[in-house]
Amino acid sequence: MGLLTPGEQLPDVPNTIGLDKIVHLVLFMVLSFLWARAFIAKENKEVKKRKFIPIYLVFTLIFAILVEYMQRMVPGRAFDYLDILFNVLGVVAGTILFAYLHKNKSILV
């Protein structure tokens, strides 16, 4: 899993404040958008969409928190509450983007 790559194997990036937070936000926005598309957009006659939405949100938010927590166990990586915050903000942004595009019948969803 790329999100758990040991820190010493990552390329050096200038320590710009906020750059890593933007990366967290964008990665989880794309991830949550794609998961929403996979779980919610496809109509399933047996299970209504209303049941998928809470499952999708809980699963995605737990994943966003768990990935950051697991970094405590990876050499060269660190746990950061702000990373969790930006992971969660990315999930929210991706979900809102999906809902907007789905409501407006975009070809992307």
Protein backbone atom coordinates (compact mmCIF):
# COMPACT_ATOMS: atom_id res chain seq x y z
CA MET A 1 0.00 0.00 0.00
CA GLY A 2 1.62 3.24 -1.15
CA LEU A 3 0.27 5.23 1.78
CA LEU A 4 2.42 3.16 4.14
CA THR A 5 5.75 3.38 2.31
CA PRO A 6 8.66 3.77 4.77
CA GLY A 7 9.69 7.41 5.03
CA GLU A 8 13.30 6.83 4.05
CA GLN A 9 12.12 5.50 0.67
CA LEU A 10 10.23 8.68 -0.17
CA PRO A 11 11.91 11.43 -2.21
CA ASP A 12 12.91 14.60 -0.40
CA VAL A 13 10.31 17.30 -0.89
CA PRO A 14 10.82 20.89 0.19
CA ASN A 15 9.25 21.34 3.61
CA THR A 16 6.57 23.74 2.49
CA ILE A 17 3.98 24.22 5.17
CA GLY A 18 0.73 22.73 4.00
CA LEU A 19 1.97 20.93 0.89
CA ASP A 20 1.58 17.50 2.49
CA LYS A 21 -1.85 18.50 3.82
CA ILE A 22 -2.99 19.40 0.30
CA VAL A 23 -1.73 16.02 -0.92
CA HIS A 24 -3.74 14.28 1.84
CA LEU A 25 -6.86 16.25 0.92
CA VAL A 26 -6.58 15.59 -2.82
CA LEU A 27 -5.78 11.88 -2.44
CA PHE A 28 -8.73 11.24 -0.15
CA MET A 29 -11.03 13.43 -2.25
CA VAL A 30 -10.26 11.32 -5.34
CA LEU A 31 -10.48 8.08 -3.34
CA SER A 32 -13.84 8.94 -1.79
CA PHE A 33 -15.22 10.15 -5.14
CA LEU A 34 -14.27 6.85 -6.78
CA TRP A 35 -15.64 4.79 -3.89
CA ALA A 36 -18.90 6.77 -3.95
CA ARG A 37 -19.12 6.14 -7.67
CA ALA A 38 -18.57 2.43 -7.16
CA PHE A 39 -20.93 2.00 -4.19
CA ILE A 40 -23.69 4.55 -4.72
CA ALA A 41 -24.01 5.41 -8.40
CA LYS A 42 -24.76 1.92 -9.61
CA GLU A 43 -28.41 1.19 -8.95
CA ASN A 44 -28.92 -2.02 -7.05
CA LYS A 45 -32.50 -3.27 -6.96
CA GLU A 46 -31.93 -5.45 -3.90
CA VAL A 47 -30.35 -2.81 -1.69
CA LYS A 48 -31.52 0.77 -1.73
CA LYS A 49 -29.05 3.62 -2.03
CA ARG A 50 -30.08 4.93 1.38
CA LYS A 51 -28.45 1.90 2.96
CA PHE A 52 -25.22 2.37 1.01
CA ILE A 53 -24.62 6.00 1.95
CA PRO A 54 -24.02 5.45 5.71
CA ILE A 55 -21.95 2.31 5.01
CA TYR A 56 -19.86 4.16 2.44
CA LEU A 57 -19.27 7.15 4.72
CA VAL A 58 -18.38 5.07 7.77
CA PHE A 59 -16.05 2.81 5.77
CA THR A 60 -14.33 5.74 4.05
CA LEU A 61 -13.88 7.77 7.25
CA ILE A 62 -12.53 4.76 9.17
CA PHE A 63 -10.09 4.09 6.33
CA ALA A 64 -8.95 7.76 6.36
CA ILE A 65 -8.20 7.55 10.09
CA LEU A 66 -6.76 4.03 10.06
CA VAL A 67 -4.24 4.76 7.31
CA GLU A 68 -2.79 7.62 9.34
CA TYR A 69 -2.77 5.58 12.55
CA MET A 70 -0.94 2.68 10.84
CA GLN A 71 1.88 5.06 9.92
CA ARG A 72 2.96 4.93 13.58
CA MET A 73 4.22 1.41 12.89
CA VAL A 74 6.13 2.24 9.69
CA PRO A 75 9.80 3.28 10.06
CA GLY A 76 10.39 6.88 9.06
CA ARG A 77 6.68 7.80 9.08
CA ALA A 78 4.83 9.72 11.76
CA PHE A 79 1.29 9.96 13.07
CA ASP A 80 -0.24 13.44 12.70
CA TYR A 81 -3.69 14.58 13.79
CA LEU A 82 -3.68 17.29 11.11
CA ASP A 83 -3.17 14.60 8.47
CA ILE A 84 -6.29 12.86 9.78
CA LEU A 85 -8.17 16.15 9.58
CA PHE A 86 -7.15 16.67 5.94
CA ASN A 87 -7.91 13.03 5.11
CA VAL A 88 -11.42 13.53 6.50
CA LEU A 89 -11.80 16.87 4.69
CA GLY A 90 -10.83 15.09 1.48
CA VAL A 91 -13.51 12.45 2.10
CA VAL A 92 -16.09 15.19 2.67
CA ALA A 93 -14.98 17.12 -0.44
CA GLY A 94 -15.05 13.99 -2.62
CA THR A 95 -18.49 13.05 -1.33
CA ILE A 96 -19.86 16.55 -1.96
CA LEU A 97 -18.35 16.59 -5.45
CA PHE A 98 -19.87 13.20 -6.21
CA ALA A 99 -23.30 14.22 -4.86
CA TYR A 100 -23.26 17.41 -6.94
CA LEU A 101 -22.26 15.63 -10.15
CA HIS A 102 -24.66 12.75 -9.51
CA LYS A 103 -27.55 15.14 -8.89
CA ASN A 104 -26.78 17.03 -12.10
CA LYS A 105 -26.47 13.81 -14.12
CA SER A 106 -22.84 14.34 -15.06
CA ILE A 107 -21.22 11.76 -17.33
CA LEU A 108 -18.49 11.38 -14.67
CA VAL A 109 -20.86 9.49 -12.39
